Amino acid sequence: MRDERDATAPSESSNPTGLPAATVRSRVTVPLRFGDGYTVTADLATFHSLTDGQEHVAVVLGPSDSDRTPLVRLHSECLTGDVFGSARCDCGPQLREAVERIATTGGVLLYLRQEGRGIGLYNKLDAYALQDQGLDTYEANTALGLPEDARDYTAAAQMLRALGIGELDLLSNNPDKAAQLRALGLTVTHHVPTGVFTTAHNVHYLRAKVVRTQHTLPLTDLTAG
């Protein structure tokens, strides 16, 4: 998707839920390279007036085709998985997969500053310590006095509207993402599952996501890799 989207705020008629308008702040072309050697060129877009005040980034990838629904992933920042390759989650492989799939079809990856499902890096590492004592990822958050999942996708909806996207195919296993986007006035046409990326260290984490929050991961595939 190489065209420059209209950076002006959407009209009231295109935004029936009254979602606060954001605008594109800047857009710059950046060549990306992943650890396995995969390379792709993307446009990185930043925004004005996001409701949560965070520096979220849109990674615009692939061909632009007005007749094709864009593929979109809402990817929550994960320093341990995305940068250091932690095997305790599936975030790094999901990010890598999403970039290539979106680059092939055309669409956007929203990189959202929501470390640890919105609780922050330090709290996430504290939750890891509790998981080592037998709690699952949601129980660990609760034991710390935090929400099981603190993420709000209002800013994500603002970013998509600012890029001119009102209808999308959502690349995700998390039904809450689609539910929130729909409540914010966006049309999620298809819910496209990601791959299943298991390791010996993340099977219990993935199972907890299925059992506790109905992620669309096949339990039969959740065996140690």
C-alpha atoms as a PDB file:
ATOM      1  CA  MET A   1       0.000   0.000   0.000  1.00  0.00           C
ATOM      2  CA  ARG A   2       2.144   2.813  -1.333  1.00  0.00           C
ATOM      3  CA  ASP A   3      -0.366   5.647  -1.754  1.00  0.00           C
ATOM      4  CA  GLU A   4      -0.477   8.558   0.675  1.00  0.00           C
ATOM      5  CA  ARG A   5      -3.773   8.395   2.563  1.00  0.00           C
ATOM      6  CA  ASP A   6      -5.858  11.505   3.229  1.00  0.00           C
ATOM      7  CA  ALA A   7      -4.483  12.929   6.476  1.00  0.00           C
ATOM      8  CA  THR A   8      -7.584  14.981   7.249  1.00  0.00           C
ATOM      9  CA  ALA A   9     -10.041  13.967   9.943  1.00  0.00           C
ATOM     10  CA  PRO A  10     -12.967  11.754   8.831  1.00  0.00           C
ATOM     11  CA  SER A  11     -16.335  13.404   8.461  1.00  0.00           C
ATOM     12  CA  GLU A  12     -19.144  12.940  10.973  1.00  0.00           C
ATOM     13  CA  SER A  13     -21.077  10.841   8.425  1.00  0.00           C
ATOM     14  CA  SER A  14     -18.154   8.409   8.079  1.00  0.00           C
ATOM     15  CA  ASN A  15     -17.758   8.220  11.838  1.00  0.00           C
ATOM     16  CA  PRO A  16     -21.200   7.510  13.293  1.00  0.00           C
ATOM     17  CA  THR A  17     -19.867   6.526  16.732  1.00  0.00           C
ATOM     18  CA  GLY A  18     -18.300   9.938  17.318  1.00  0.00           C
ATOM     19  CA  LEU A  19     -14.768   8.517  17.543  1.00  0.00           C
ATOM     20  CA  PRO A  20     -12.350  11.397  18.262  1.00  0.00           C
ATOM     21  CA  ALA A  21     -10.489  12.266  15.081  1.00  0.00           C
ATOM     22  CA  ALA A  22      -6.745  11.786  14.681  1.00  0.00           C
ATOM     23  CA  THR A  23      -4.603  12.896  11.766  1.00  0.00           C
ATOM     24  CA  VAL A  24      -1.424  11.614  10.173  1.00  0.00           C
ATOM     25  CA  ARG A  25       1.563  13.505  11.597  1.00  0.00           C
ATOM     26  CA  SER A  26       4.283  12.115   9.315  1.00  0.00           C
ATOM     27  CA  ARG A  27       4.927   9.235   6.959  1.00  0.00           C
ATOM     28  CA  VAL A  28       8.359   7.954   6.039  1.00  0.00           C
ATOM     29  CA  THR A  29       9.591   5.007   3.961  1.00  0.00           C
ATOM     30  CA  VAL A  30      11.820   2.571   5.879  1.00  0.00           C
ATOM     31  CA  PRO A  31      13.448  -0.663   4.648  1.00  0.00           C
ATOM     32  CA  LEU A  32      12.888  -3.433   7.231  1.00  0.00           C
ATOM     33  CA  ARG A  33      15.083  -6.475   7.848  1.00  0.00           C
ATOM     34  CA  PHE A  34      14.255  -9.367  10.180  1.00  0.00           C
ATOM     35  CA  GLY A  35      16.571 -11.808  11.907  1.00  0.00           C
ATOM     36  CA  ASP A  36      15.865 -14.595   9.418  1.00  0.00           C
ATOM     37  CA  GLY A  37      16.922 -12.361   6.525  1.00  0.00           C
ATOM     38  CA  TYR A  38      13.437 -11.384   5.332  1.00  0.00           C
ATOM     39  CA  THR A  39      13.379  -7.820   4.001  1.00  0.00           C
ATOM     40  CA  VAL A  40      10.532  -5.525   2.988  1.00  0.00           C
ATOM     41  CA  THR A  41       9.966  -1.816   2.500  1.00  0.00           C
ATOM     42  CA  ALA A  42       7.257  -0.153   4.578  1.00  0.00           C
ATOM     43  CA  ASP A  43       5.862   3.288   5.228  1.00  0.00           C
ATOM     44  CA  LEU A  44       5.839   4.178   8.932  1.00  0.00           C
ATOM     45  CA  ALA A  45       3.109   6.635   9.886  1.00  0.00           C
ATOM     46  CA  THR A  46       2.832   8.660  13.088  1.00  0.00           C
ATOM     47  CA  PHE A  47      -0.247  10.518  14.338  1.00  0.00           C
ATOM     48  CA  HIS A  48      -1.607  13.598  16.050  1.00  0.00           C
ATOM     49  CA  SER A  49      -4.396  13.552  18.670  1.00  0.00           C
ATOM     50  CA  LEU A  50      -4.466   9.882  19.717  1.00  0.00           C
ATOM     51  CA  THR A  51      -6.669   9.601  22.787  1.00  0.00           C
ATOM     52  CA  ASP A  52      -4.174   7.745  24.985  1.00  0.00           C
ATOM     53  CA  GLY A  53      -1.229  10.037  24.185  1.00  0.00           C
ATOM     54  CA  GLN A  54       1.045   7.110  23.259  1.00  0.00           C
ATOM     55  CA  GLU A  55       3.464   7.036  20.314  1.00  0.00           C
ATOM     56  CA  HIS A  56       1.805   4.239  18.337  1.00  0.00           C
ATOM     57  CA  VAL A  57       3.056   3.608  14.783  1.00  0.00           C
ATOM     58  CA  ALA A  58       1.314   2.297  11.682  1.00  0.00           C
ATOM     59  CA  VAL A  59       3.413   0.081   9.407  1.00  0.00           C
ATOM     60  CA  VAL A  60       1.844   0.387   5.945  1.00  0.00           C
ATOM     61  CA  LEU A  61       2.784  -2.528   3.715  1.00  0.00           C
ATOM     62  CA  GLY A  62       2.212  -4.047   0.322  1.00  0.00           C
ATOM     63  CA  PRO A  63       0.214  -3.045  -2.742  1.00  0.00           C
ATOM     64  CA  SER A  64      -2.602  -0.526  -2.694  1.00  0.00           C
ATOM     65  CA  ASP A  65      -5.804  -1.892  -4.220  1.00  0.00           C
ATOM     66  CA  SER A  66      -8.986   0.056  -3.613  1.00  0.00           C
ATOM     67  CA  ASP A  67     -11.050  -2.994  -4.563  1.00  0.00           C
ATOM     68  CA  ARG A  68      -9.447  -5.214  -1.934  1.00  0.00           C
ATOM     69  CA  THR A  69     -10.133  -5.089   1.792  1.00  0.00           C
ATOM     70  CA  PRO A  70      -6.866  -4.294   3.615  1.00  0.00           C
ATOM     71  CA  LEU A  71      -5.417  -6.882   5.990  1.00  0.00           C
ATOM     72  CA  VAL A  72      -4.780  -5.311   9.401  1.00  0.00           C
ATOM     73  CA  ARG A  73      -3.026  -6.532  12.528  1.00  0.00           C
ATOM     74  CA  LEU A  74      -3.129  -4.807  15.900  1.00  0.00           C
ATOM     75  CA  HIS A  75       0.203  -5.865  17.397  1.00  0.00           C
ATOM     76  CA  SER A  76       0.890  -4.982  21.014  1.00  0.00           C
ATOM     77  CA  GLU A  77       4.489  -4.076  21.757  1.00  0.00           C
ATOM     78  CA  CYS A  78       6.493  -6.889  23.366  1.00  0.00           C
ATOM     79  CA  LEU A  79      10.102  -5.988  24.066  1.00  0.00           C
ATOM     80  CA  THR A  80      10.981  -9.463  25.299  1.00  0.00           C
ATOM     81  CA  GLY A  81       9.427 -11.260  22.328  1.00  0.00           C
ATOM     82  CA  ASP A  82       9.794  -8.785  19.466  1.00  0.00           C
ATOM     83  CA  VAL A  83      13.352  -7.652  20.239  1.00  0.00           C
ATOM     84  CA  PHE A  84      15.000 -10.346  22.378  1.00  0.00           C
ATOM     85  CA  GLY A  85      13.213 -13.363  20.883  1.00  0.00           C
ATOM     86  CA  SER A  86      11.754 -14.622  24.173  1.00  0.00           C
ATOM     87  CA  ALA A  87      10.292 -18.119  23.870  1.00  0.00           C
ATOM     88  CA  ARG A  88       7.808 -17.447  26.696  1.00  0.00           C
ATOM     89  CA  CYS A  89       5.299 -15.911  24.264  1.00  0.00           C
ATOM     90  CA  ASP A  90       4.479 -16.023  20.553  1.00  0.00           C
ATOM     91  CA  CYS A  91       4.755 -12.275  19.926  1.00  0.00           C
ATOM     92  CA  GLY A  92       7.972 -12.246  17.902  1.00  0.00           C
ATOM     93  CA  PRO A  93       6.861 -14.962  15.443  1.00  0.00           C
ATOM     94  CA  GLN A  94       3.437 -13.329  15.118  1.00  0.00           C
ATOM     95  CA  LEU A  95       5.047  -9.993  14.263  1.00  0.00           C
ATOM     96  CA  ARG A  96       7.296 -11.582  11.649  1.00  0.00           C
ATOM     97  CA  GLU A  97       4.415 -13.554  10.126  1.00  0.00           C
ATOM     98  CA  ALA A  98       2.097 -10.548  10.062  1.00  0.00           C
ATOM     99  CA  VAL A  99       4.554  -8.286   8.250  1.00  0.00           C
ATOM    100  CA  GLU A 100       5.057 -10.782   5.425  1.00  0.00           C
ATOM    101  CA  ARG A 101       1.371 -11.647   5.084  1.00  0.00           C
ATOM    102  CA  ILE A 102       0.319  -8.002   5.033  1.00  0.00           C
ATOM    103  CA  ALA A 103       3.117  -7.090   2.600  1.00  0.00           C
ATOM    104  CA  THR A 104       1.789  -9.764   0.228  1.00  0.00           C
ATOM    105  CA  THR A 105      -1.844  -8.671   0.258  1.00  0.00           C
ATOM    106  CA  GLY A 106      -1.669  -4.994   1.213  1.00  0.00           C
ATOM    107  CA  GLY A 107      -2.647  -3.472   4.524  1.00  0.00           C
ATOM    108  CA  VAL A 108      -1.383  -2.119   7.819  1.00  0.00           C
ATOM    109  CA  LEU A 109       0.252  -3.389  11.000  1.00  0.00           C
ATOM    110  CA  LEU A 110      -0.451  -1.122  13.955  1.00  0.00           C
ATOM    111  CA  TYR A 111       2.421  -1.354  16.422  1.00  0.00           C
ATOM    112  CA  LEU A 112       0.753  -0.389  19.692  1.00  0.00           C
ATOM    113  CA  ARG A 113       2.658   0.637  22.821  1.00  0.00           C
ATOM    114  CA  GLN A 114       0.768  -1.790  25.085  1.00  0.00           C
ATOM    115  CA  GLU A 115       3.514  -3.851  26.706  1.00  0.00           C
ATOM    116  CA  GLY A 116       2.224  -6.750  28.771  1.00  0.00           C
ATOM    117  CA  ARG A 117      -1.392  -6.391  27.582  1.00  0.00           C
ATOM    118  CA  GLY A 118      -1.283  -2.804  28.797  1.00  0.00           C
ATOM    119  CA  ILE A 119       0.342  -3.251  32.239  1.00  0.00           C
ATOM    120  CA  GLY A 120       3.880  -2.190  31.277  1.00  0.00           C
ATOM    121  CA  LEU A 121       7.241  -3.918  31.051  1.00  0.00           C
ATOM    122  CA  TYR A 122       8.140  -4.046  34.746  1.00  0.00           C
ATOM    123  CA  ASN A 123       4.738  -5.396  35.729  1.00  0.00           C
ATOM    124  CA  LYS A 124       4.956  -7.959  32.935  1.00  0.00           C
ATOM    125  CA  LEU A 125       8.258  -9.245  34.286  1.00  0.00           C
ATOM    126  CA  ASP A 126       6.749  -9.372  37.788  1.00  0.00           C
ATOM    127  CA  ALA A 127       3.917 -11.434  36.305  1.00  0.00           C
ATOM    128  CA  TYR A 128       6.493 -13.781  34.751  1.00  0.00           C
ATOM    129  CA  ALA A 129       7.903 -14.417  38.221  1.00  0.00           C
ATOM    130  CA  LEU A 130       4.430 -15.370  39.451  1.00  0.00           C
ATOM    131  CA  GLN A 131       3.938 -17.631  36.447  1.00  0.00           C
ATOM    132  CA  ASP A 132       7.122 -19.438  37.492  1.00  0.00           C
ATOM    133  CA  GLN A 133       5.279 -20.207  40.750  1.00  0.00           C
ATOM    134  CA  GLY A 134       2.382 -21.846  38.884  1.00  0.00           C
ATOM    135  CA  LEU A 135      -0.057 -19.049  38.041  1.00  0.00           C
ATOM    136  CA  ASP A 136      -1.213 -18.564  34.469  1.00  0.00           C
ATOM    137  CA  THR A 137      -0.708 -15.216  32.730  1.00  0.00           C
ATOM    138  CA  TYR A 138      -4.141 -13.875  33.702  1.00  0.00           C
ATOM    139  CA  GLU A 139      -3.960 -15.096  37.300  1.00  0.00           C
ATOM    140  CA  ALA A 140      -0.546 -13.451  37.613  1.00  0.00           C
ATOM    141  CA  ASN A 141      -1.906 -10.081  36.493  1.00  0.00           C
ATOM    142  CA  THR A 142      -4.781 -10.363  38.950  1.00  0.00           C
ATOM    143  CA  ALA A 143      -2.405 -11.294  41.783  1.00  0.00           C
ATOM    144  CA  LEU A 144      -0.541  -8.051  41.088  1.00  0.00           C
ATOM    145  CA  GLY A 145      -3.803  -6.100  41.421  1.00  0.00           C
ATOM    146  CA  LEU A 146      -3.928  -5.431  37.679  1.00  0.00           C
ATOM    147  CA  PRO A 147      -6.518  -6.127  34.967  1.00  0.00           C
ATOM    148  CA  GLU A 148      -6.243  -9.424  33.105  1.00  0.00           C
ATOM    149  CA  ASP A 149      -6.092  -7.364  29.896  1.00  0.00           C
ATOM    150  CA  ALA A 150      -5.890  -3.572  30.122  1.00  0.00           C
ATOM    151  CA  ARG A 151      -5.802  -2.875  26.396  1.00  0.00           C
ATOM    152  CA  ASP A 152      -8.135  -0.338  24.809  1.00  0.00           C
ATOM    153  CA  TYR A 153      -8.172  -0.080  21.019  1.00  0.00           C
ATOM    154  CA  THR A 154      -9.647   3.399  20.636  1.00  0.00           C
ATOM    155  CA  ALA A 155      -6.305   4.766  19.413  1.00  0.00           C
ATOM    156  CA  ALA A 156      -6.049   1.896  16.942  1.00  0.00           C
ATOM    157  CA  ALA A 157      -9.440   2.787  15.506  1.00  0.00           C
ATOM    158  CA  GLN A 158      -8.359   6.435  15.282  1.00  0.00           C
ATOM    159  CA  MET A 159      -5.213   5.437  13.394  1.00  0.00           C
ATOM    160  CA  LEU A 160      -7.154   3.343  10.904  1.00  0.00           C
ATOM    161  CA  ARG A 161      -9.661   6.147  10.304  1.00  0.00           C
ATOM    162  CA  ALA A 162      -6.808   8.625   9.789  1.00  0.00           C
ATOM    163  CA  LEU A 163      -5.375   6.289   7.147  1.00  0.00           C
ATOM    164  CA  GLY A 164      -8.725   6.150   5.394  1.00  0.00           C
ATOM    165  CA  ILE A 165      -9.580   2.614   6.511  1.00  0.00           C
ATOM    166  CA  GLY A 166     -13.118   1.926   7.659  1.00  0.00           C
ATOM    167  CA  GLU A 167     -13.369  -1.709   6.586  1.00  0.00           C
ATOM    168  CA  LEU A 168     -10.730  -4.381   7.146  1.00  0.00           C
ATOM    169  CA  ASP A 169      -9.824  -8.020   7.487  1.00  0.00           C
ATOM    170  CA  LEU A 170      -8.349  -8.511  10.963  1.00  0.00           C
ATOM    171  CA  LEU A 171      -5.305 -10.765  11.403  1.00  0.00           C
ATOM    172  CA  SER A 172      -5.738 -11.966  14.984  1.00  0.00           C
ATOM    173  CA  ASN A 173      -6.738 -14.834  17.256  1.00  0.00           C
ATOM    174  CA  ASN A 174      -8.193 -12.465  19.853  1.00  0.00           C
ATOM    175  CA  PRO A 175     -11.979 -11.910  19.577  1.00  0.00           C
ATOM    176  CA  ASP A 176     -11.799  -8.831  21.819  1.00  0.00           C
ATOM    177  CA  LYS A 177      -9.878  -6.889  19.167  1.00  0.00           C
ATOM    178  CA  ALA A 178     -12.619  -7.363  16.581  1.00  0.00           C
ATOM    179  CA  ALA A 179     -15.337  -6.628  19.144  1.00  0.00           C
ATOM    180  CA  GLN A 180     -13.718  -3.357  20.194  1.00  0.00           C
ATOM    181  CA  LEU A 181     -13.089  -2.199  16.614  1.00  0.00           C
ATOM    182  CA  ARG A 182     -16.697  -2.921  15.674  1.00  0.00           C
ATOM    183  CA  ALA A 183     -17.952  -1.040  18.734  1.00  0.00           C
ATOM    184  CA  LEU A 184     -15.811   1.891  17.579  1.00  0.00           C
ATOM    185  CA  GLY A 185     -17.550   1.957  14.208  1.00  0.00           C
ATOM    186  CA  LEU A 186     -15.165  -0.028  12.014  1.00  0.00           C
ATOM    187  CA  THR A 187     -16.280  -2.929   9.835  1.00  0.00           C
ATOM    188  CA  VAL A 188     -14.324  -6.142  10.431  1.00  0.00           C
ATOM    189  CA  THR A 189     -15.195  -8.219   7.374  1.00  0.00           C
ATOM    190  CA  HIS A 190     -13.132 -11.315   8.142  1.00  0.00           C
ATOM    191  CA  HIS A 191     -11.301 -12.539  11.244  1.00  0.00           C
ATOM    192  CA  VAL A 192      -8.109 -14.144   9.904  1.00  0.00           C
ATOM    193  CA  PRO A 193      -6.222 -16.386  12.370  1.00  0.00           C
ATOM    194  CA  THR A 194      -2.467 -16.210  12.788  1.00  0.00           C
ATOM    195  CA  GLY A 195      -0.233 -19.250  12.830  1.00  0.00           C
ATOM    196  CA  VAL A 196       0.351 -21.301  15.962  1.00  0.00           C
ATOM    197  CA  PHE A 197       3.876 -20.770  17.296  1.00  0.00           C
ATOM    198  CA  THR A 198       4.587 -23.134  20.170  1.00  0.00           C
ATOM    199  CA  THR A 199       7.750 -23.679  22.145  1.00  0.00           C
ATOM    200  CA  ALA A 200       8.509 -25.723  25.228  1.00  0.00           C
ATOM    201  CA  HIS A 201       8.181 -22.482  27.204  1.00  0.00           C
ATOM    202  CA  ASN A 202       4.914 -20.991  25.941  1.00  0.00           C
ATOM    203  CA  VAL A 203       2.418 -23.873  25.723  1.00  0.00           C
ATOM    204  CA  HIS A 204       0.753 -23.056  29.058  1.00  0.00           C
ATOM    205  CA  TYR A 205       0.611 -19.381  28.099  1.00  0.00           C
ATOM    206  CA  LEU A 206      -1.110 -20.179  24.798  1.00  0.00           C
ATOM    207  CA  ARG A 207      -3.536 -22.590  26.458  1.00  0.00           C
ATOM    208  CA  ALA A 208      -4.477 -19.906  28.986  1.00  0.00           C
ATOM    209  CA  LYS A 209      -5.321 -17.533  26.129  1.00  0.00           C
ATOM    210  CA  VAL A 210      -7.653 -20.141  24.622  1.00  0.00           C
ATOM    211  CA  VAL A 211      -9.349 -21.148  27.873  1.00  0.00           C
ATOM    212  CA  ARG A 212      -9.546 -17.754  29.579  1.00  0.00           C
ATOM    213  CA  THR A 213     -10.176 -15.356  26.683  1.00  0.00           C
ATOM    214  CA  GLN A 214     -11.339 -17.616  23.834  1.00  0.00           C
ATOM    215  CA  HIS A 215      -8.434 -16.998  21.473  1.00  0.00           C
ATOM    216  CA  THR A 216      -8.925 -18.962  18.259  1.00  0.00           C
ATOM    217  CA  LEU A 217      -5.931 -21.240  18.642  1.00  0.00           C
ATOM    218  CA  PRO A 218      -6.511 -24.987  18.142  1.00  0.00           C
ATOM    219  CA  LEU A 219      -5.802 -26.683  21.466  1.00  0.00           C
ATOM    220  CA  THR A 220      -4.755 -29.853  19.648  1.00  0.00           C
ATOM    221  CA  ASP A 221      -1.829 -27.921  18.135  1.00  0.00           C
ATOM    222  CA  LEU A 222      -0.610 -26.616  21.486  1.00  0.00           C
ATOM    223  CA  THR A 223       2.079 -29.158  22.126  1.00  0.00           C
ATOM    224  CA  ALA A 224       5.650 -28.317  22.988  1.00  0.00           C
ATOM    225  CA  GLY A 225       7.822 -27.520  20.004  1.00  0.00           C
END
